[in-house]
Full PDB file with SEQRES, HELIX, SHEET, SSBOND, CRYST1, ORIGX, SCALE, CONECT and MASTER records, all heavy atoms in Angstrom:
SEQRES   1 A   32  PRO LEU GLY GLN TRP ILE VAL SER GLN ARG ASP THR LEU          
SEQRES   2 A   32  ASP TRP ASP ASP ASN ILE GLY GLN PHE LEU THR ALA PHE          
SEQRES   3 A   32  TRP GLY LEU PRO ARG ARG                                      
HELIX    1 AA1 LEU A    2  GLN A    9  1                                   8    
HELIX    2 AA2 TRP A   15  GLY A   20  3                                   6    
HELIX    3 AA3 GLN A   21  TRP A   27  1                                   7    
CRYST1    1.000    1.000    1.000  90.00  90.00  90.00 P 1           1          
ORIGX1      1.000000  0.000000  0.000000        0.00000                         
ORIGX2      0.000000  1.000000  0.000000        0.00000                         
ORIGX3      0.000000  0.000000  1.000000        0.00000                         
SCALE1      1.000000  0.000000  0.000000        0.00000                         
SCALE2      0.000000  1.000000  0.000000        0.00000                         
SCALE3      0.000000  0.000000  1.000000        0.00000                         
ATOM      1  N   PRO A   1     -15.865 -15.559  10.193  1.00  0.00           N  
ATOM      2  CA  PRO A   1     -16.254 -15.065   8.859  1.00  0.00           C  
ATOM      3  C   PRO A   1     -15.263 -14.062   8.254  1.00  0.00           C  
ATOM      4  O   PRO A   1     -14.986 -14.121   7.050  1.00  0.00           O  
ATOM      5  CB  PRO A   1     -17.614 -14.410   9.094  1.00  0.00           C  
ATOM      6  CG  PRO A   1     -18.169 -15.125  10.287  1.00  0.00           C  
ATOM      7  CD  PRO A   1     -16.978 -15.451  11.150  1.00  0.00           C  
ATOM      8  N   LEU A   2     -14.702 -13.162   9.064  1.00  0.00           N  
ATOM      9  CA  LEU A   2     -13.734 -12.200   8.531  1.00  0.00           C  
ATOM     10  C   LEU A   2     -12.472 -12.905   8.056  1.00  0.00           C  
ATOM     11  O   LEU A   2     -11.969 -12.626   6.960  1.00  0.00           O  
ATOM     12  CB  LEU A   2     -13.392 -11.143   9.594  1.00  0.00           C  
ATOM     13  CG  LEU A   2     -12.356 -10.092   9.197  1.00  0.00           C  
ATOM     14  CD1 LEU A   2     -12.796  -9.319   7.947  1.00  0.00           C  
ATOM     15  CD2 LEU A   2     -12.104  -9.141  10.364  1.00  0.00           C  
ATOM     16  N   GLY A   3     -11.965 -13.827   8.864  1.00  0.00           N  
ATOM     17  CA  GLY A   3     -10.781 -14.585   8.457  1.00  0.00           C  
ATOM     18  C   GLY A   3     -11.040 -15.405   7.208  1.00  0.00           C  
ATOM     19  O   GLY A   3     -10.220 -15.440   6.285  1.00  0.00           O  
ATOM     20  N   GLN A   4     -12.192 -16.072   7.148  1.00  0.00           N  
ATOM     21  CA  GLN A   4     -12.557 -16.865   5.967  1.00  0.00           C  
ATOM     22  C   GLN A   4     -12.626 -15.989   4.725  1.00  0.00           C  
ATOM     23  O   GLN A   4     -12.154 -16.371   3.651  1.00  0.00           O  
ATOM     24  CB  GLN A   4     -13.905 -17.548   6.183  1.00  0.00           C  
ATOM     25  CG  GLN A   4     -13.871 -18.683   7.138  1.00  0.00           C  
ATOM     26  CD  GLN A   4     -15.249 -19.309   7.340  1.00  0.00           C  
ATOM     27  OE1 GLN A   4     -16.274 -18.782   6.901  1.00  0.00           O  
ATOM     28  NE2 GLN A   4     -15.280 -20.451   8.011  1.00  0.00           N  
ATOM     29  N   TRP A   5     -13.240 -14.808   4.870  1.00  0.00           N  
ATOM     30  CA  TRP A   5     -13.401 -13.928   3.720  1.00  0.00           C  
ATOM     31  C   TRP A   5     -12.052 -13.441   3.192  1.00  0.00           C  
ATOM     32  O   TRP A   5     -11.809 -13.468   1.988  1.00  0.00           O  
ATOM     33  CB  TRP A   5     -14.296 -12.734   4.072  1.00  0.00           C  
ATOM     34  CG  TRP A   5     -14.527 -11.849   2.901  1.00  0.00           C  
ATOM     35  CD1 TRP A   5     -15.384 -12.051   1.862  1.00  0.00           C  
ATOM     36  CD2 TRP A   5     -13.853 -10.623   2.618  1.00  0.00           C  
ATOM     37  NE1 TRP A   5     -15.288 -11.019   0.955  1.00  0.00           N  
ATOM     38  CE2 TRP A   5     -14.356 -10.130   1.400  1.00  0.00           C  
ATOM     39  CE3 TRP A   5     -12.870  -9.892   3.284  1.00  0.00           C  
ATOM     40  CZ2 TRP A   5     -13.917  -8.941   0.822  1.00  0.00           C  
ATOM     41  CZ3 TRP A   5     -12.439  -8.704   2.716  1.00  0.00           C  
ATOM     42  CH2 TRP A   5     -12.955  -8.248   1.503  1.00  0.00           C  
ATOM     43  N   ILE A   6     -11.179 -13.013   4.101  1.00  0.00           N  
ATOM     44  CA  ILE A   6      -9.867 -12.527   3.660  1.00  0.00           C  
ATOM     45  C   ILE A   6      -9.090 -13.643   2.966  1.00  0.00           C  
ATOM     46  O   ILE A   6      -8.502 -13.427   1.897  1.00  0.00           O  
ATOM     47  CB  ILE A   6      -9.072 -11.927   4.835  1.00  0.00           C  
ATOM     48  CG1 ILE A   6      -9.760 -10.637   5.318  1.00  0.00           C  
ATOM     49  CG2 ILE A   6      -7.625 -11.636   4.414  1.00  0.00           C  
ATOM     50  CD1 ILE A   6      -9.181 -10.062   6.597  1.00  0.00           C  
ATOM     51  N   VAL A   7      -9.098 -14.834   3.538  1.00  0.00           N  
ATOM     52  CA  VAL A   7      -8.387 -15.962   2.916  1.00  0.00           C  
ATOM     53  C   VAL A   7      -8.970 -16.257   1.539  1.00  0.00           C  
ATOM     54  O   VAL A   7      -8.231 -16.445   0.568  1.00  0.00           O  
ATOM     55  CB  VAL A   7      -8.422 -17.211   3.826  1.00  0.00           C  
ATOM     56  CG1 VAL A   7      -7.922 -18.441   3.079  1.00  0.00           C  
ATOM     57  CG2 VAL A   7      -7.600 -16.977   5.084  1.00  0.00           C  
ATOM     58  N   SER A   8     -10.290 -16.285   1.425  1.00  0.00           N  
ATOM     59  CA  SER A   8     -10.919 -16.635   0.143  1.00  0.00           C  
ATOM     60  C   SER A   8     -10.720 -15.555  -0.914  1.00  0.00           C  
ATOM     61  O   SER A   8     -10.715 -15.851  -2.107  1.00  0.00           O  
ATOM     62  CB  SER A   8     -12.410 -16.921   0.325  1.00  0.00           C  
ATOM     63  OG  SER A   8     -13.130 -15.731   0.602  1.00  0.00           O  
ATOM     64  N   GLN A   9     -10.543 -14.303  -0.482  1.00  0.00           N  
ATOM     65  CA  GLN A   9     -10.416 -13.193  -1.430  1.00  0.00           C  
ATOM     66  C   GLN A   9      -8.992 -12.664  -1.560  1.00  0.00           C  
ATOM     67  O   GLN A   9      -8.761 -11.665  -2.254  1.00  0.00           O  
ATOM     68  CB  GLN A   9     -11.334 -12.041  -0.994  1.00  0.00           C  
ATOM     69  CG  GLN A   9     -12.799 -12.389  -0.974  1.00  0.00           C  
ATOM     70  CD  GLN A   9     -13.312 -12.797  -2.330  1.00  0.00           C  
ATOM     71  OE1 GLN A   9     -13.063 -12.115  -3.325  1.00  0.00           O  
ATOM     72  NE2 GLN A   9     -14.011 -13.914  -2.391  1.00  0.00           N  
ATOM     73  N   ARG A  10      -8.037 -13.309  -0.940  1.00  0.00           N  
ATOM     74  CA  ARG A  10      -6.676 -12.761  -0.874  1.00  0.00           C  
ATOM     75  C   ARG A  10      -6.071 -12.451  -2.230  1.00  0.00           C  
ATOM     76  O   ARG A  10      -5.276 -11.528  -2.362  1.00  0.00           O  
ATOM     77  CB  ARG A  10      -5.767 -13.667  -0.066  1.00  0.00           C  
ATOM     78  CG  ARG A  10      -5.383 -14.957  -0.766  1.00  0.00           C  
ATOM     79  CD  ARG A  10      -4.657 -15.891   0.133  1.00  0.00           C  
ATOM     80  NE  ARG A  10      -3.229 -15.635   0.130  1.00  0.00           N  
ATOM     81  CZ  ARG A  10      -2.346 -16.429   0.685  1.00  0.00           C  
ATOM     82  NH1 ARG A  10      -2.736 -17.516   1.318  1.00  0.00           N  
ATOM     83  NH2 ARG A  10      -1.069 -16.151   0.621  1.00  0.00           N  
ATOM     84  N   ASP A  11      -6.442 -13.195  -3.273  1.00  0.00           N  
ATOM     85  CA  ASP A  11      -5.882 -12.941  -4.608  1.00  0.00           C  
ATOM     86  C   ASP A  11      -6.478 -11.696  -5.264  1.00  0.00           C  
ATOM     87  O   ASP A  11      -5.908 -11.181  -6.228  1.00  0.00           O  
ATOM     88  CB  ASP A  11      -6.084 -14.152  -5.517  1.00  0.00           C  
ATOM     89  CG  ASP A  11      -5.242 -15.341  -5.079  1.00  0.00           C  
ATOM     90  OD1 ASP A  11      -4.189 -15.135  -4.431  1.00  0.00           O  
ATOM     91  OD2 ASP A  11      -5.640 -16.480  -5.367  1.00  0.00           O  
ATOM     92  N   THR A  12      -7.607 -11.231  -4.757  1.00  0.00           N  
ATOM     93  CA  THR A  12      -8.247 -10.054  -5.359  1.00  0.00           C  
ATOM     94  C   THR A  12      -8.128  -8.815  -4.475  1.00  0.00           C  
ATOM     95  O   THR A  12      -8.472  -7.720  -4.913  1.00  0.00           O  
ATOM     96  CB  THR A  12      -9.742 -10.318  -5.629  1.00  0.00           C  
ATOM     97  OG1 THR A  12     -10.397 -10.600  -4.394  1.00  0.00           O  
ATOM     98  CG2 THR A  12      -9.919 -11.483  -6.590  1.00  0.00           C  
ATOM     99  N   LEU A  13      -7.658  -8.982  -3.248  1.00  0.00           N  
ATOM    100  CA  LEU A  13      -7.562  -7.852  -2.322  1.00  0.00           C  
ATOM    101  C   LEU A  13      -6.282  -7.054  -2.547  1.00  0.00           C  
ATOM    102  O   LEU A  13      -5.232  -7.618  -2.839  1.00  0.00           O  
ATOM    103  CB  LEU A  13      -7.588  -8.335  -0.874  1.00  0.00           C  
ATOM    104  CG  LEU A  13      -8.881  -8.956  -0.376  1.00  0.00           C  
ATOM    105  CD1 LEU A  13      -8.696  -9.495   1.045  1.00  0.00           C  
ATOM    106  CD2 LEU A  13     -10.011  -7.951  -0.415  1.00  0.00           C  
ATOM    107  N   ASP A  14      -6.408  -5.754  -2.382  1.00  0.00           N  
ATOM    108  CA  ASP A  14      -5.250  -4.870  -2.355  1.00  0.00           C  
ATOM    109  C   ASP A  14      -5.059  -4.463  -0.897  1.00  0.00           C  
ATOM    110  O   ASP A  14      -6.012  -4.020  -0.249  1.00  0.00           O  
ATOM    111  CB  ASP A  14      -5.502  -3.637  -3.225  1.00  0.00           C  
ATOM    112  CG  ASP A  14      -4.340  -2.666  -3.167  1.00  0.00           C  
ATOM    113  OD1 ASP A  14      -3.374  -2.862  -3.922  1.00  0.00           O  
ATOM    114  OD2 ASP A  14      -4.403  -1.726  -2.330  1.00  0.00           O  
ATOM    115  N   TRP A  15      -3.847  -4.636  -0.377  1.00  0.00           N  
ATOM    116  CA  TRP A  15      -3.624  -4.369   1.036  1.00  0.00           C  
ATOM    117  C   TRP A  15      -4.028  -2.944   1.405  1.00  0.00           C  
ATOM    118  O   TRP A  15      -4.776  -2.726   2.351  1.00  0.00           O  
ATOM    119  CB  TRP A  15      -2.162  -4.628   1.416  1.00  0.00           C  
ATOM    120  CG  TRP A  15      -1.966  -4.488   2.890  1.00  0.00           C  
ATOM    121  CD1 TRP A  15      -1.626  -3.358   3.572  1.00  0.00           C  
ATOM    122  CD2 TRP A  15      -2.155  -5.498   3.883  1.00  0.00           C  
ATOM    123  NE1 TRP A  15      -1.586  -3.607   4.923  1.00  0.00           N  
ATOM    124  CE2 TRP A  15      -1.907  -4.917   5.136  1.00  0.00           C  
ATOM    125  CE3 TRP A  15      -2.513  -6.846   3.831  1.00  0.00           C  
ATOM    126  CZ2 TRP A  15      -1.992  -5.636   6.331  1.00  0.00           C  
ATOM    127  CZ3 TRP A  15      -2.595  -7.561   5.018  1.00  0.00           C  
ATOM    128  CH2 TRP A  15      -2.347  -6.950   6.246  1.00  0.00           C  
ATOM    129  N   ASP A  16      -3.522  -1.954   0.688  1.00  0.00           N  
ATOM    130  CA  ASP A  16      -3.803  -0.566   1.058  1.00  0.00           C  
ATOM    131  C   ASP A  16      -5.259  -0.194   0.833  1.00  0.00           C  
ATOM    132  O   ASP A  16      -5.890   0.409   1.707  1.00  0.00           O  
ATOM    133  CB  ASP A  16      -2.884   0.393   0.290  1.00  0.00           C  
ATOM    134  CG  ASP A  16      -1.440   0.265   0.746  1.00  0.00           C  
ATOM    135  OD1 ASP A  16      -1.219   0.125   1.968  1.00  0.00           O  
ATOM    136  OD2 ASP A  16      -0.544   0.296  -0.106  1.00  0.00           O  
ATOM    137  N   ASP A  17      -5.796  -0.542  -0.322  1.00  0.00           N  
ATOM    138  CA  ASP A  17      -7.171  -0.151  -0.638  1.00  0.00           C  
ATOM    139  C   ASP A  17      -8.198  -0.896   0.202  1.00  0.00           C  
ATOM    140  O   ASP A  17      -9.197  -0.305   0.628  1.00  0.00           O  
ATOM    141  CB  ASP A  17      -7.494  -0.407  -2.114  1.00  0.00           C  
ATOM    142  CG  ASP A  17      -6.804   0.582  -3.037  1.00  0.00           C  
ATOM    143  OD1 ASP A  17      -6.309   1.612  -2.550  1.00  0.00           O  
ATOM    144  OD2 ASP A  17      -6.761   0.309  -4.250  1.00  0.00           O  
ATOM    145  N   ASN A  18      -7.983  -2.163   0.453  1.00  0.00           N  
ATOM    146  CA  ASN A  18      -8.977  -2.969   1.161  1.00  0.00           C  
ATOM    147  C   ASN A  18      -8.660  -3.137   2.643  1.00  0.00           C  
ATOM    148  O   ASN A  18      -9.452  -2.729   3.497  1.00  0.00           O  
ATOM    149  CB  ASN A  18      -9.120  -4.338   0.498  1.00  0.00           C  
ATOM    150  CG  ASN A  18      -9.481  -4.232  -0.972  1.00  0.00           C  
ATOM    151  OD1 ASN A  18      -8.755  -4.733  -1.817  1.00  0.00           O  
ATOM    152  ND2 ASN A  18     -10.580  -3.580  -1.293  1.00  0.00           N  
ATOM    153  N   ILE A  19      -7.519  -3.705   2.948  1.00  0.00           N  
ATOM    154  CA  ILE A  19      -7.174  -3.960   4.342  1.00  0.00           C  
ATOM    155  C   ILE A  19      -6.900  -2.643   5.071  1.00  0.00           C  
ATOM    156  O   ILE A  19      -7.372  -2.435   6.191  1.00  0.00           O  
ATOM    157  CB  ILE A  19      -5.965  -4.911   4.458  1.00  0.00           C  
ATOM    158  CG1 ILE A  19      -6.224  -6.232   3.714  1.00  0.00           C  
ATOM    159  CG2 ILE A  19      -5.594  -5.137   5.920  1.00  0.00           C  
ATOM    160  CD1 ILE A  19      -7.422  -7.020   4.201  1.00  0.00           C  
ATOM    161  N   GLY A  20      -6.164  -1.764   4.434  1.00  0.00           N  
ATOM    162  CA  GLY A  20      -5.870  -0.473   5.066  1.00  0.00           C  
ATOM    163  C   GLY A  20      -7.127   0.314   5.386  1.00  0.00           C  
ATOM    164  O   GLY A  20      -7.259   0.891   6.471  1.00  0.00           O  
ATOM    165  N   GLN A  21      -8.060   0.334   4.464  1.00  0.00           N  
ATOM    166  CA  GLN A  21      -9.303   1.054   4.709  1.00  0.00           C  
ATOM    167  C   GLN A  21     -10.155   0.355   5.770  1.00  0.00           C  
ATOM    168  O   GLN A  21     -10.840   1.004   6.565  1.00  0.00           O  
ATOM    169  CB  GLN A  21     -10.077   1.228   3.406  1.00  0.00           C  
ATOM    170  CG  GLN A  21      -9.352   2.107   2.390  1.00  0.00           C  
ATOM    171  CD  GLN A  21      -8.974   3.467   2.960  1.00  0.00           C  
ATOM    172  OE1 GLN A  21      -9.780   4.135   3.598  1.00  0.00           O  
ATOM    173  NE2 GLN A  21      -7.740   3.883   2.737  1.00  0.00           N  
ATOM    174  N   PHE A  22     -10.123  -0.982   5.792  1.00  0.00           N  
ATOM    175  CA  PHE A  22     -10.808  -1.715   6.853  1.00  0.00           C  
ATOM    176  C   PHE A  22     -10.234  -1.332   8.214  1.00  0.00           C  
ATOM    177  O   PHE A  22     -10.973  -1.067   9.165  1.00  0.00           O  
ATOM    178  CB  PHE A  22     -10.681  -3.232   6.638  1.00  0.00           C  
ATOM    179  CG  PHE A  22     -11.024  -4.022   7.866  1.00  0.00           C  
ATOM    180  CD1 PHE A  22     -12.347  -4.198   8.242  1.00  0.00           C  
ATOM    181  CD2 PHE A  22     -10.022  -4.572   8.666  1.00  0.00           C  
ATOM    182  CE1 PHE A  22     -12.671  -4.913   9.406  1.00  0.00           C  
ATOM    183  CE2 PHE A  22     -10.333  -5.287   9.813  1.00  0.00           C  
ATOM    184  CZ  PHE A  22     -11.668  -5.461  10.183  1.00  0.00           C  
ATOM    185  N   LEU A  23      -8.901  -1.317   8.323  1.00  0.00           N  
ATOM    186  CA  LEU A  23      -8.270  -0.976   9.592  1.00  0.00           C  
ATOM    187  C   LEU A  23      -8.634   0.432  10.034  1.00  0.00           C  
ATOM    188  O   LEU A  23      -8.894   0.673  11.216  1.00  0.00           O  
ATOM    189  CB  LEU A  23      -6.747  -1.132   9.488  1.00  0.00           C  
ATOM    190  CG  LEU A  23      -6.243  -2.566   9.339  1.00  0.00           C  
ATOM    191  CD1 LEU A  23      -4.751  -2.578   9.040  1.00  0.00           C  
ATOM    192  CD2 LEU A  23      -6.565  -3.375  10.581  1.00  0.00           C  
ATOM    193  N   THR A  24      -8.663   1.355   9.095  1.00  0.00           N  
ATOM    194  CA  THR A  24      -9.041   2.734   9.407  1.00  0.00           C  
ATOM    195  C   THR A  24     -10.454   2.787   9.981  1.00  0.00           C  
ATOM    196  O   THR A  24     -10.701   3.424  11.002  1.00  0.00           O  
ATOM    197  CB  THR A  24      -8.934   3.613   8.141  1.00  0.00           C  
ATOM    198  OG1 THR A  24      -7.575   3.611   7.697  1.00  0.00           O  
ATOM    199  CG2 THR A  24      -9.360   5.034   8.412  1.00  0.00           C  
ATOM    200  N   ALA A  25     -11.373   2.078   9.346  1.00  0.00           N  
ATOM    201  CA  ALA A  25     -12.767   2.082   9.806  1.00  0.00           C  
ATOM    202  C   ALA A  25     -12.920   1.311  11.116  1.00  0.00           C  
ATOM    203  O   ALA A  25     -13.574   1.788  12.047  1.00  0.00           O  
ATOM    204  CB  ALA A  25     -13.665   1.487   8.728  1.00  0.00           C  
ATOM    205  N   PHE A  26     -12.324   0.144  11.214  1.00  0.00           N  
ATOM    206  CA  PHE A  26     -12.487  -0.703  12.399  1.00  0.00           C  
ATOM    207  C   PHE A  26     -11.973  -0.002  13.655  1.00  0.00           C  
ATOM    208  O   PHE A  26     -12.617  -0.027  14.700  1.00  0.00           O  
ATOM    209  CB  PHE A  26     -11.758  -2.037  12.209  1.00  0.00           C  
ATOM    210  CG  PHE A  26     -11.995  -3.007  13.335  1.00  0.00           C  
ATOM    211  CD1 PHE A  26     -13.077  -3.882  13.286  1.00  0.00           C  
ATOM    212  CD2 PHE A  26     -11.157  -3.054  14.449  1.00  0.00           C  
ATOM    213  CE1 PHE A  26     -13.314  -4.779  14.327  1.00  0.00           C  
ATOM    214  CE2 PHE A  26     -11.388  -3.947  15.491  1.00  0.00           C  
ATOM    215  CZ  PHE A  26     -12.475  -4.812  15.420  1.00  0.00           C  
ATOM    216  N   TRP A  27     -10.793   0.598  13.542  1.00  0.00           N  
ATOM    217  CA  TRP A  27     -10.164   1.216  14.704  1.00  0.00           C  
ATOM    218  C   TRP A  27     -10.526   2.688  14.864  1.00  0.00           C  
ATOM    219  O   TRP A  27     -10.080   3.335  15.808  1.00  0.00           O  
ATOM    220  CB  TRP A  27      -8.647   1.054  14.650  1.00  0.00           C  
ATOM    221  CG  TRP A  27      -8.222  -0.382  14.743  1.00  0.00           C  
ATOM    222  CD1 TRP A  27      -7.670  -1.130  13.743  1.00  0.00           C  
ATOM    223  CD2 TRP A  27      -8.327  -1.251  15.868  1.00  0.00           C  
ATOM    224  NE1 TRP A  27      -7.419  -2.409  14.190  1.00  0.00           N  
ATOM    225  CE2 TRP A  27      -7.819  -2.514  15.495  1.00  0.00           C  
ATOM    226  CE3 TRP A  27      -8.803  -1.088  17.167  1.00  0.00           C  
ATOM    227  CZ2 TRP A  27      -7.776  -3.595  16.372  1.00  0.00           C  
ATOM    228  CZ3 TRP A  27      -8.767  -2.166  18.041  1.00  0.00           C  
ATOM    229  CH2 TRP A  27      -8.249  -3.400  17.635  1.00  0.00           C  
ATOM    230  N   GLY A  28     -11.317   3.252  13.949  1.00  0.00           N  
ATOM    231  CA  GLY A  28     -11.715   4.658  14.052  1.00  0.00           C  
ATOM    232  C   GLY A  28     -10.558   5.618  13.858  1.00  0.00           C  
ATOM    233  O   GLY A  28     -10.524   6.695  14.440  1.00  0.00           O  
ATOM    234  N   LEU A  29      -9.614   5.230  13.005  1.00  0.00           N  
ATOM    235  CA  LEU A  29      -8.457   6.081  12.733  1.00  0.00           C  
ATOM    236  C   LEU A  29      -8.816   7.162  11.718  1.00  0.00           C  
ATOM    237  O   LEU A  29      -9.724   6.981  10.905  1.00  0.00           O  
ATOM    238  CB  LEU A  29      -7.300   5.242  12.186  1.00  0.00           C  
ATOM    239  CG  LEU A  29      -6.688   4.233  13.152  1.00  0.00           C  
ATOM    240  CD1 LEU A  29      -5.772   3.273  12.411  1.00  0.00           C  
ATOM    241  CD2 LEU A  29      -5.943   4.951  14.266  1.00  0.00           C  
ATOM    242  N   PRO A  30      -8.097   8.280  11.742  1.00  0.00           N  
ATOM    243  CA  PRO A  30      -8.319   9.301  10.713  1.00  0.00           C  
ATOM    244  C   PRO A  30      -7.869   8.798   9.340  1.00  0.00           C  
ATOM    245  O   PRO A  30      -7.296   7.708   9.234  1.00  0.00           O  
ATOM    246  CB  PRO A  30      -7.459  10.482  11.173  1.00  0.00           C  
ATOM    247  CG  PRO A  30      -6.560   9.972  12.228  1.00  0.00           C  
ATOM    248  CD  PRO A  30      -7.090   8.661  12.715  1.00  0.00           C  
ATOM    249  N   ARG A  31      -8.112   9.591   8.324  1.00  0.00           N  
ATOM    250  CA  ARG A  31      -7.755   9.207   6.954  1.00  0.00           C  
ATOM    251  C   ARG A  31      -6.327   8.672   6.882  1.00  0.00           C  
ATOM    252  O   ARG A  31      -5.400   9.268   7.392  1.00  0.00           O  
ATOM    253  CB  ARG A  31      -7.868  10.412   6.013  1.00  0.00           C  
ATOM    254  CG  ARG A  31      -7.606  10.042   4.557  1.00  0.00           C  
ATOM    255  CD  ARG A  31      -7.450  11.262   3.663  1.00  0.00           C  
ATOM    256  NE  ARG A  31      -6.180  11.946   3.864  1.00  0.00           N  
ATOM    257  CZ  ARG A  31      -5.026  11.588   3.306  1.00  0.00           C  
ATOM    258  NH1 ARG A  31      -4.962  10.548   2.515  1.00  0.00           N  
ATOM    259  NH2 ARG A  31      -3.924  12.280   3.535  1.00  0.00           N  
ATOM    260  N   ARG A  32      -6.216   7.531   6.257  1.00  0.00           N  
ATOM    261  CA  ARG A  32      -4.927   6.856   6.091  1.00  0.00           C  
ATOM    262  C   ARG A  32      -4.155   7.534   4.950  1.00  0.00           C  
ATOM    263  O   ARG A  32      -4.700   7.737   3.872  1.00  0.00           O  
ATOM    264  CB  ARG A  32      -5.202   5.393   5.754  1.00  0.00           C  
ATOM    265  CG  ARG A  32      -4.007   4.529   5.562  1.00  0.00           C  
ATOM    266  CD  ARG A  32      -4.511   3.129   5.157  1.00  0.00           C  
ATOM    267  NE  ARG A  32      -3.441   2.245   4.843  1.00  0.00           N  
ATOM    268  CZ  ARG A  32      -2.867   1.433   5.724  1.00  0.00           C  
ATOM    269  NH1 ARG A  32      -3.274   1.412   6.956  1.00  0.00           N  
ATOM    270  NH2 ARG A  32      -1.893   0.641   5.356  1.00  0.00           N  
TER     271      ARG A  32                                                      
MASTER        0    0    0    3    0    0    0    6  270    1    0    3          
END                                                                             
């Protein structure tokens, strides 16, 4: 489902705002 969602939304996603914030939350990293 995560892979499907990213592929389907890739034209509307911003790497830093969306993917970067996901990575921060998923991995428990401090503020990016």
